[in-house]
Amino acid sequence: MKVLVTGASGYIGRQLAEKLSAAGHDVNCMVRNAAASPRFRHRQISLIEADALQENTSIGARLM
């Protein structure tokens, strides 16, 4: 299943992303700054740089 995790830079979001990935899900994490985001153990976790508070943020096309 494809999953989008927001807040993956925080403790809970990071733990959630790791557990979902370990369970075999296709995990995408929305972060404001990919360079400053934590490193994930699972390589199949993708980072999507976006800000949910900005009107012009469009992540739908990036998830396809």
Protein backbone atom coordinates (compact mmCIF):
# COMPACT_ATOMS: atom_id res chain seq x y z
CA MET A 1 0.00 0.00 0.00
CA LYS A 2 1.22 3.53 -0.75
CA VAL A 3 1.37 5.68 2.39
CA LEU A 4 2.07 9.39 2.90
CA VAL A 5 3.45 10.33 6.31
CA THR A 6 3.45 14.00 7.27
CA GLY A 7 5.63 15.14 10.11
CA ALA A 8 8.27 12.52 9.39
CA SER A 9 10.98 14.81 10.77
CA GLY A 10 9.56 14.36 14.26
CA TYR A 11 9.89 11.40 16.59
CA ILE A 12 6.44 9.88 16.06
CA GLY A 13 6.39 10.42 12.29
CA ARG A 14 9.83 8.89 11.90
CA GLN A 15 8.90 5.82 13.97
CA LEU A 16 5.66 5.42 12.00
CA ALA A 17 7.48 5.65 8.66
CA GLU A 18 10.05 3.06 9.75
CA LYS A 19 7.38 0.61 10.98
CA LEU A 20 5.27 0.99 7.83
CA SER A 21 8.30 0.46 5.61
CA ALA A 22 9.37 -2.61 7.61
CA ALA A 23 5.87 -4.01 7.10
CA GLY A 24 6.35 -3.75 3.32
CA HIS A 25 4.44 -0.56 2.54
CA ASP A 26 5.59 2.01 -0.04
CA VAL A 27 6.26 4.99 2.26
CA ASN A 28 6.54 8.62 1.16
CA CYS A 29 7.38 11.22 3.81
CA MET A 30 6.44 14.86 3.40
CA VAL A 31 9.15 17.12 4.84
CA ARG A 32 9.81 20.84 4.56
CA ASN A 33 13.57 20.45 4.09
CA ALA A 34 14.89 17.12 2.78
CA ALA A 35 18.50 18.07 3.49
CA ALA A 36 17.76 18.66 7.18
CA SER A 37 15.53 15.58 7.58
CA PRO A 38 16.61 12.54 9.56
CA ARG A 39 18.12 9.55 7.79
CA PHE A 40 15.89 6.50 7.65
CA ARG A 41 17.11 2.93 8.05
CA HIS A 42 14.92 1.67 5.22
CA ARG A 43 16.12 2.81 1.81
CA GLN A 44 12.66 2.43 0.25
CA ILE A 45 11.34 5.46 2.17
CA SER A 46 11.03 8.43 -0.19
CA LEU A 47 11.20 12.06 0.92
CA ILE A 48 8.89 14.60 -0.69
CA GLU A 49 9.82 18.21 -0.04
CA ALA A 50 6.62 20.18 0.49
CA ASP A 51 4.90 22.47 2.99
CA ALA A 52 1.26 21.74 3.83
CA LEU A 53 0.76 25.37 4.88
CA GLN A 54 1.59 26.73 1.41
CA GLU A 55 -1.25 27.06 -1.10
CA ASN A 56 0.90 26.21 -4.11
CA THR A 57 2.15 22.89 -2.67
CA SER A 58 1.02 20.05 -4.89
CA ILE A 59 2.21 16.58 -3.93
CA GLY A 60 -0.37 14.46 -5.74
CA ALA A 61 1.63 14.25 -8.98
CA ARG A 62 4.77 13.26 -7.08
CA LEU A 63 3.05 10.27 -5.49
CA MET A 64 1.94 8.64 -8.75
